[in-house]
Amino acid sequence: MTEKEIFDRIVIIIQERQGEDFVVTETLSLKDDLDADSVDLMEFVLTLEDEFGIEISDEEIDQLQSVADVVRTIKGKI
């Protein structure tokens, strides 16, 4: 799976929560732009784990600041 395919799937996941018109970029901040608290972030991570069939450790979750970080983490696990 390419980074573009991973990114496209992440966009769908985010837009399901934020609305179809929500613009997702690789520099999008998970905490600031999505206004996500720790519970929201955990739900997002669980959705990613289910979607991609991976596990993301707590240490890795702490490193996820932007959509690009999420893409890199997923790419390294599949």
PDB file of N, CA and C in Angstrom:
ATOM      1  N   MET A   1       0.844  -1.183   0.000  1.00  0.00           N
ATOM      2  CA  MET A   1       0.000   0.000   0.000  1.00  0.00           C
ATOM      3  C   MET A   1       0.887   1.244   0.000  1.00  0.00           C
ATOM      4  N   THR A   2       0.573   2.167  -0.875  1.00  0.00           N
ATOM      5  CA  THR A   2       1.390   3.381  -0.992  1.00  0.00           C
ATOM      6  C   THR A   2       0.992   4.411   0.069  1.00  0.00           C
ATOM      7  N   GLU A   3       1.869   5.394   0.267  1.00  0.00           N
ATOM      8  CA  GLU A   3       1.542   6.469   1.209  1.00  0.00           C
ATOM      9  C   GLU A   3       0.286   7.217   0.767  1.00  0.00           C
ATOM     10  N   LYS A   4       0.104   7.363  -0.540  1.00  0.00           N
ATOM     11  CA  LYS A   4      -1.083   8.054  -1.073  1.00  0.00           C
ATOM     12  C   LYS A   4      -2.346   7.266  -0.722  1.00  0.00           C
ATOM     13  N   GLU A   5      -2.307   5.947  -0.848  1.00  0.00           N
ATOM     14  CA  GLU A   5      -3.467   5.119  -0.507  1.00  0.00           C
ATOM     15  C   GLU A   5      -3.771   5.200   0.990  1.00  0.00           C
ATOM     16  N   ILE A   6      -2.722   5.180   1.805  1.00  0.00           N
ATOM     17  CA  ILE A   6      -2.902   5.317   3.256  1.00  0.00           C
ATOM     18  C   ILE A   6      -3.516   6.673   3.572  1.00  0.00           C
ATOM     19  N   PHE A   7      -2.954   7.735   2.981  1.00  0.00           N
ATOM     20  CA  PHE A   7      -3.458   9.088   3.210  1.00  0.00           C
ATOM     21  C   PHE A   7      -4.929   9.185   2.816  1.00  0.00           C
ATOM     22  N   ASP A   8      -5.280   8.641   1.655  1.00  0.00           N
ATOM     23  CA  ASP A   8      -6.668   8.711   1.183  1.00  0.00           C
ATOM     24  C   ASP A   8      -7.625   8.034   2.159  1.00  0.00           C
ATOM     25  N   ARG A   9      -7.221   6.912   2.732  1.00  0.00           N
ATOM     26  CA  ARG A   9      -8.070   6.220   3.701  1.00  0.00           C
ATOM     27  C   ARG A   9      -8.190   7.015   4.999  1.00  0.00           C
ATOM     28  N   ILE A  10      -7.109   7.672   5.401  1.00  0.00           N
ATOM     29  CA  ILE A  10      -7.148   8.520   6.596  1.00  0.00           C
ATOM     30  C   ILE A  10      -8.086   9.699   6.369  1.00  0.00           C
ATOM     31  N   VAL A  11      -8.040  10.285   5.179  1.00  0.00           N
ATOM     32  CA  VAL A  11      -8.931  11.397   4.841  1.00  0.00           C
ATOM     33  C   VAL A  11     -10.382  10.970   5.018  1.00  0.00           C
ATOM     34  N   ILE A  12     -10.725   9.796   4.525  1.00  0.00           N
ATOM     35  CA  ILE A  12     -12.105   9.288   4.643  1.00  0.00           C
ATOM     36  C   ILE A  12     -12.495   9.157   6.110  1.00  0.00           C
ATOM     37  N   ILE A  13     -11.608   8.597   6.916  1.00  0.00           N
ATOM     38  CA  ILE A  13     -11.890   8.411   8.347  1.00  0.00           C
ATOM     39  C   ILE A  13     -12.131   9.768   9.020  1.00  0.00           C
ATOM     40  N   ILE A  14     -11.269  10.739   8.733  1.00  0.00           N
ATOM     41  CA  ILE A  14     -11.412  12.063   9.351  1.00  0.00           C
ATOM     42  C   ILE A  14     -12.689  12.745   8.868  1.00  0.00           C
ATOM     43  N   GLN A  15     -12.968  12.660   7.584  1.00  0.00           N
ATOM     44  CA  GLN A  15     -14.153  13.321   7.037  1.00  0.00           C
ATOM     45  C   GLN A  15     -15.455  12.685   7.528  1.00  0.00           C
ATOM     46  N   GLU A  16     -15.416  11.403   7.880  1.00  0.00           N
ATOM     47  CA  GLU A  16     -16.605  10.775   8.458  1.00  0.00           C
ATOM     48  C   GLU A  16     -16.974  11.438   9.776  1.00  0.00           C
ATOM     49  N   ARG A  17     -15.975  11.935  10.500  1.00  0.00           N
ATOM     50  CA  ARG A  17     -16.214  12.610  11.780  1.00  0.00           C
ATOM     51  C   ARG A  17     -16.431  14.100  11.629  1.00  0.00           C
ATOM     52  N   GLN A  18     -15.660  14.723  10.742  1.00  0.00           N
ATOM     53  CA  GLN A  18     -15.646  16.186  10.641  1.00  0.00           C
ATOM     54  C   GLN A  18     -16.587  16.722   9.565  1.00  0.00           C
ATOM     55  N   GLY A  19     -17.025  15.867   8.671  1.00  0.00           N
ATOM     56  CA  GLY A  19     -17.869  16.303   7.560  1.00  0.00           C
ATOM     57  C   GLY A  19     -17.124  16.207   6.237  1.00  0.00           C
ATOM     58  N   GLU A  20     -17.867  15.964   5.174  1.00  0.00           N
ATOM     59  CA  GLU A  20     -17.266  15.755   3.856  1.00  0.00           C
ATOM     60  C   GLU A  20     -16.478  16.953   3.356  1.00  0.00           C
ATOM     61  N   ASP A  21     -16.862  18.143   3.781  1.00  0.00           N
ATOM     62  CA  ASP A  21     -16.206  19.356   3.294  1.00  0.00           C
ATOM     63  C   ASP A  21     -14.931  19.689   4.056  1.00  0.00           C
ATOM     64  N   PHE A  22     -14.636  18.941   5.106  1.00  0.00           N
ATOM     65  CA  PHE A  22     -13.450  19.206   5.918  1.00  0.00           C
ATOM     66  C   PHE A  22     -12.197  18.906   5.088  1.00  0.00           C
ATOM     67  N   VAL A  23     -11.307  19.884   4.995  1.00  0.00           N
ATOM     68  CA  VAL A  23     -10.093  19.735   4.186  1.00  0.00           C
ATOM     69  C   VAL A  23      -8.999  19.085   5.033  1.00  0.00           C
ATOM     70  N   VAL A  24      -8.472  17.971   4.533  1.00  0.00           N
ATOM     71  CA  VAL A  24      -7.417  17.244   5.237  1.00  0.00           C
ATOM     72  C   VAL A  24      -6.129  17.372   4.441  1.00  0.00           C
ATOM     73  N   THR A  25      -5.081  17.829   5.118  1.00  0.00           N
ATOM     74  CA  THR A  25      -3.757  17.911   4.491  1.00  0.00           C
ATOM     75  C   THR A  25      -2.781  17.111   5.344  1.00  0.00           C
ATOM     76  N   GLU A  26      -1.596  16.873   4.789  1.00  0.00           N
ATOM     77  CA  GLU A  26      -0.598  16.118   5.550  1.00  0.00           C
ATOM     78  C   GLU A  26      -0.096  16.888   6.760  1.00  0.00           C
ATOM     79  N   THR A  27      -0.199  18.211   6.729  1.00  0.00           N
ATOM     80  CA  THR A  27       0.287  19.026   7.839  1.00  0.00           C
ATOM     81  C   THR A  27      -0.793  19.286   8.885  1.00  0.00           C
ATOM     82  N   LEU A  28      -1.974  18.764   8.670  1.00  0.00           N
ATOM     83  CA  LEU A  28      -3.082  18.945   9.607  1.00  0.00           C
ATOM     84  C   LEU A  28      -2.679  18.456  10.997  1.00  0.00           C
ATOM     85  N   SER A  29      -2.849  19.308  11.998  1.00  0.00           N
ATOM     86  CA  SER A  29      -2.521  18.944  13.376  1.00  0.00           C
ATOM     87  C   SER A  29      -3.690  18.180  13.984  1.00  0.00           C
ATOM     88  N   LEU A  30      -3.400  17.006  14.526  1.00  0.00           N
ATOM     89  CA  LEU A  30      -4.459  16.183  15.103  1.00  0.00           C
ATOM     90  C   LEU A  30      -5.111  16.872  16.295  1.00  0.00           C
ATOM     91  N   LYS A  31      -4.300  17.503  17.131  1.00  0.00           N
ATOM     92  CA  LYS A  31      -4.848  18.122  18.335  1.00  0.00           C
ATOM     93  C   LYS A  31      -5.459  19.484  18.062  1.00  0.00           C
ATOM     94  N   ASP A  32      -4.753  20.319  17.294  1.00  0.00           N
ATOM     95  CA  ASP A  32      -5.213  21.696  17.086  1.00  0.00           C
ATOM     96  C   ASP A  32      -6.298  21.807  16.016  1.00  0.00           C
ATOM     97  N   ASP A  33      -6.024  21.266  14.829  1.00  0.00           N
ATOM     98  CA  ASP A  33      -6.970  21.420  13.722  1.00  0.00           C
ATOM     99  C   ASP A  33      -8.213  20.554  13.872  1.00  0.00           C
ATOM    100  N   LEU A  34      -8.051  19.393  14.496  1.00  0.00           N
ATOM    101  CA  LEU A  34      -9.215  18.521  14.718  1.00  0.00           C
ATOM    102  C   LEU A  34      -9.871  18.795  16.059  1.00  0.00           C
ATOM    103  N   ASP A  35      -9.217  19.628  16.867  1.00  0.00           N
ATOM    104  CA  ASP A  35      -9.713  19.935  18.209  1.00  0.00           C
ATOM    105  C   ASP A  35      -9.978  18.642  18.982  1.00  0.00           C
ATOM    106  N   ALA A  36      -9.017  17.722  18.878  1.00  0.00           N
ATOM    107  CA  ALA A  36      -9.167  16.400  19.479  1.00  0.00           C
ATOM    108  C   ALA A  36      -8.575  16.365  20.884  1.00  0.00           C
ATOM    109  N   ASP A  37      -9.366  15.855  21.821  1.00  0.00           N
ATOM    110  CA  ASP A  37      -8.825  15.621  23.160  1.00  0.00           C
ATOM    111  C   ASP A  37      -8.277  14.194  23.205  1.00  0.00           C
ATOM    112  N   SER A  38      -7.833  13.752  24.370  1.00  0.00           N
ATOM    113  CA  SER A  38      -7.204  12.435  24.458  1.00  0.00           C
ATOM    114  C   SER A  38      -8.171  11.302  24.112  1.00  0.00           C
ATOM    115  N   VAL A  39      -9.440  11.456  24.465  1.00  0.00           N
ATOM    116  CA  VAL A  39     -10.437  10.427  24.137  1.00  0.00           C
ATOM    117  C   VAL A  39     -10.659  10.372  22.626  1.00  0.00           C
ATOM    118  N   ASP A  40     -10.787  11.538  21.999  1.00  0.00           N
ATOM    119  CA  ASP A  40     -10.954  11.590  20.546  1.00  0.00           C
ATOM    120  C   ASP A  40      -9.762  10.952  19.839  1.00  0.00           C
ATOM    121  N   LEU A  41      -8.565  11.249  20.329  1.00  0.00           N
ATOM    122  CA  LEU A  41      -7.359  10.703  19.723  1.00  0.00           C
ATOM    123  C   LEU A  41      -7.321   9.186  19.865  1.00  0.00           C
ATOM    124  N   MET A  42      -7.720   8.680  21.027  1.00  0.00           N
ATOM    125  CA  MET A  42      -7.748   7.227  21.235  1.00  0.00           C
ATOM    126  C   MET A  42      -8.745   6.570  20.285  1.00  0.00           C
ATOM    127  N   GLU A  43      -9.921   7.170  20.129  1.00  0.00           N
ATOM    128  CA  GLU A  43     -10.920   6.619  19.206  1.00  0.00           C
ATOM    129  C   GLU A  43     -10.393   6.619  17.780  1.00  0.00           C
ATOM    130  N   PHE A  44      -9.702   7.685  17.405  1.00  0.00           N
ATOM    131  CA  PHE A  44      -9.105   7.785  16.074  1.00  0.00           C
ATOM    132  C   PHE A  44      -8.081   6.680  15.872  1.00  0.00           C
ATOM    133  N   VAL A  45      -7.221   6.466  16.868  1.00  0.00           N
ATOM    134  CA  VAL A  45      -6.186   5.432  16.781  1.00  0.00           C
ATOM    135  C   VAL A  45      -6.825   4.046  16.684  1.00  0.00           C
ATOM    136  N   LEU A  46      -7.853   3.796  17.476  1.00  0.00           N
ATOM    137  CA  LEU A  46      -8.535   2.496  17.411  1.00  0.00           C
ATOM    138  C   LEU A  46      -9.148   2.270  16.037  1.00  0.00           C
ATOM    139  N   THR A  47      -9.706   3.318  15.463  1.00  0.00           N
ATOM    140  CA  THR A  47     -10.262   3.221  14.113  1.00  0.00           C
ATOM    141  C   THR A  47      -9.159   2.900  13.107  1.00  0.00           C
ATOM    142  N   LEU A  48      -8.013   3.570  13.239  1.00  0.00           N
ATOM    143  CA  LEU A  48      -6.881   3.301  12.347  1.00  0.00           C
ATOM    144  C   LEU A  48      -6.406   1.856  12.489  1.00  0.00           C
ATOM    145  N   GLU A  49      -6.317   1.379  13.725  1.00  0.00           N
ATOM    146  CA  GLU A  49      -5.866   0.009  13.957  1.00  0.00           C
ATOM    147  C   GLU A  49      -6.797  -0.991  13.279  1.00  0.00           C
ATOM    148  N   ASP A  50      -8.095  -0.759  13.405  1.00  0.00           N
ATOM    149  CA  ASP A  50      -9.075  -1.645  12.760  1.00  0.00           C
ATOM    150  C   ASP A  50      -8.986  -1.553  11.240  1.00  0.00           C
ATOM    151  N   GLU A  51      -8.895  -0.336  10.741  1.00  0.00           N
ATOM    152  CA  GLU A  51      -8.883  -0.095   9.290  1.00  0.00           C
ATOM    153  C   GLU A  51      -7.675  -0.747   8.612  1.00  0.00           C
ATOM    154  N   PHE A  52      -6.509  -0.645   9.268  1.00  0.00           N
ATOM    155  CA  PHE A  52      -5.277  -1.118   8.643  1.00  0.00           C
ATOM    156  C   PHE A  52      -4.773  -2.443   9.213  1.00  0.00           C
ATOM    157  N   GLY A  53      -5.452  -2.988  10.219  1.00  0.00           N
ATOM    158  CA  GLY A  53      -5.041  -4.262  10.803  1.00  0.00           C
ATOM    159  C   GLY A  53      -3.686  -4.188  11.478  1.00  0.00           C
ATOM    160  N   ILE A  54      -3.448  -3.100  12.213  1.00  0.00           N
ATOM    161  CA  ILE A  54      -2.162  -2.886  12.886  1.00  0.00           C
ATOM    162  C   ILE A  54      -2.404  -2.562  14.356  1.00  0.00           C
ATOM    163  N   GLU A  55      -1.307  -2.495  15.117  1.00  0.00           N
ATOM    164  CA  GLU A  55      -1.370  -2.002  16.493  1.00  0.00           C
ATOM    165  C   GLU A  55      -0.414  -0.828  16.620  1.00  0.00           C
ATOM    166  N   ILE A  56      -0.875   0.225  17.276  1.00  0.00           N
ATOM    167  CA  ILE A  56      -0.056   1.420  17.493  1.00  0.00           C
ATOM    168  C   ILE A  56       0.170   1.543  18.996  1.00  0.00           C
ATOM    169  N   SER A  57       1.437   1.545  19.405  1.00  0.00           N
ATOM    170  CA  SER A  57       1.770   1.581  20.829  1.00  0.00           C
ATOM    171  C   SER A  57       1.506   2.965  21.420  1.00  0.00           C
ATOM    172  N   ASP A  58       1.426   3.008  22.746  1.00  0.00           N
ATOM    173  CA  ASP A  58       1.225   4.287  23.432  1.00  0.00           C
ATOM    174  C   ASP A  58       2.354   5.271  23.112  1.00  0.00           C
ATOM    175  N   GLU A  59       3.583   4.745  23.015  1.00  0.00           N
ATOM    176  CA  GLU A  59       4.724   5.610  22.698  1.00  0.00           C
ATOM    177  C   GLU A  59       4.555   6.210  21.303  1.00  0.00           C
ATOM    178  N   GLU A  60       4.077   5.389  20.362  1.00  0.00           N
ATOM    179  CA  GLU A  60       3.874   5.889  18.997  1.00  0.00           C
ATOM    180  C   GLU A  60       2.736   6.912  18.957  1.00  0.00           C
ATOM    181  N   ILE A  61       1.697   6.673  19.733  1.00  0.00           N
ATOM    182  CA  ILE A  61       0.566   7.607  19.781  1.00  0.00           C
ATOM    183  C   ILE A  61       1.057   8.981  20.238  1.00  0.00           C
ATOM    184  N   ASP A  62       1.949   8.997  21.225  1.00  0.00           N
ATOM    185  CA  ASP A  62       2.488  10.268  21.729  1.00  0.00           C
ATOM    186  C   ASP A  62       3.237  11.044  20.650  1.00  0.00           C
ATOM    187  N   GLN A  63       3.744  10.352  19.634  1.00  0.00           N
ATOM    188  CA  GLN A  63       4.515  10.990  18.566  1.00  0.00           C
ATOM    189  C   GLN A  63       3.640  11.485  17.412  1.00  0.00           C
ATOM    190  N   LEU A  64       2.363  11.127  17.417  1.00  0.00           N
ATOM    191  CA  LEU A  64       1.475  11.505  16.319  1.00  0.00           C
ATOM    192  C   LEU A  64       0.989  12.933  16.492  1.00  0.00           C
ATOM    193  N   GLN A  65       1.577  13.830  15.723  1.00  0.00           N
ATOM    194  CA  GLN A  65       1.194  15.240  15.777  1.00  0.00           C
ATOM    195  C   GLN A  65       0.378  15.651  14.557  1.00  0.00           C
ATOM    196  N   SER A  66       0.744  15.109  13.395  1.00  0.00           N
ATOM    197  CA  SER A  66       0.097  15.514  12.143  1.00  0.00           C
ATOM    198  C   SER A  66      -0.356  14.279  11.367  1.00  0.00           C
ATOM    199  N   VAL A  67      -1.114  14.526  10.314  1.00  0.00           N
ATOM    200  CA  VAL A  67      -1.557  13.431   9.451  1.00  0.00           C
ATOM    201  C   VAL A  67      -0.341  12.746   8.816  1.00  0.00           C
ATOM    202  N   ALA A  68       0.687  13.516   8.477  1.00  0.00           N
ATOM    203  CA  ALA A  68       1.910  12.931   7.906  1.00  0.00           C
ATOM    204  C   ALA A  68       2.546  11.939   8.881  1.00  0.00           C
ATOM    205  N   ASP A  69       2.534  12.256  10.173  1.00  0.00           N
ATOM    206  CA  ASP A  69       3.054  11.332  11.190  1.00  0.00           C
ATOM    207  C   ASP A  69       2.252  10.033  11.193  1.00  0.00           C
ATOM    208  N   VAL A  70       0.946  10.152  11.067  1.00  0.00           N
ATOM    209  CA  VAL A  70       0.076   8.971  11.051  1.00  0.00           C
ATOM    210  C   VAL A  70       0.393   8.116   9.832  1.00  0.00           C
ATOM    211  N   VAL A  71       0.535   8.753   8.668  1.00  0.00           N
ATOM    212  CA  VAL A  71       0.851   8.017   7.438  1.00  0.00           C
ATOM    213  C   VAL A  71       2.163   7.260   7.594  1.00  0.00           C
ATOM    214  N   ARG A  72       3.204   7.935   8.111  1.00  0.00           N
ATOM    215  CA  ARG A  72       4.515   7.296   8.296  1.00  0.00           C
ATOM    216  C   ARG A  72       4.425   6.108   9.252  1.00  0.00           C
ATOM    217  N   THR A  73       3.693   6.278  10.355  1.00  0.00           N
ATOM    218  CA  THR A  73       3.575   5.206  11.332  1.00  0.00           C
ATOM    219  C   THR A  73       2.881   3.995  10.723  1.00  0.00           C
ATOM    220  N   ILE A  74       1.784   4.235  10.009  1.00  0.00           N
ATOM    221  CA  ILE A  74       1.054   3.137   9.389  1.00  0.00           C
ATOM    222  C   ILE A  74       1.907   2.478   8.309  1.00  0.00           C
ATOM    223  N   LYS A  75       2.566   3.264   7.485  1.00  0.00           N
ATOM    224  CA  LYS A  75       3.406   2.736   6.401  1.00  0.00           C
ATOM    225  C   LYS A  75       4.479   1.806   6.979  1.00  0.00           C
ATOM    226  N   GLY A  76       5.009   2.126   8.139  1.00  0.00           N
ATOM    227  CA  GLY A  76       6.039   1.299   8.755  1.00  0.00           C
ATOM    228  C   GLY A  76       5.520   0.000   9.341  1.00  0.00           C
ATOM    229  N   LYS A  77       4.205  -0.144   9.416  1.00  0.00           N
ATOM    230  CA  LYS A  77       3.628  -1.322  10.049  1.00  0.00           C
ATOM    231  C   LYS A  77       2.938  -2.271   9.079  1.00  0.00           C
ATOM    232  N   ILE A  78       2.771  -1.834   7.840  1.00  0.00           N
ATOM    233  CA  ILE A  78       2.072  -2.722   6.893  1.00  0.00           C
ATOM    234  C   ILE A  78       3.000  -3.197   5.792  1.00  0.00           C
TER     235      ILE A  78
END
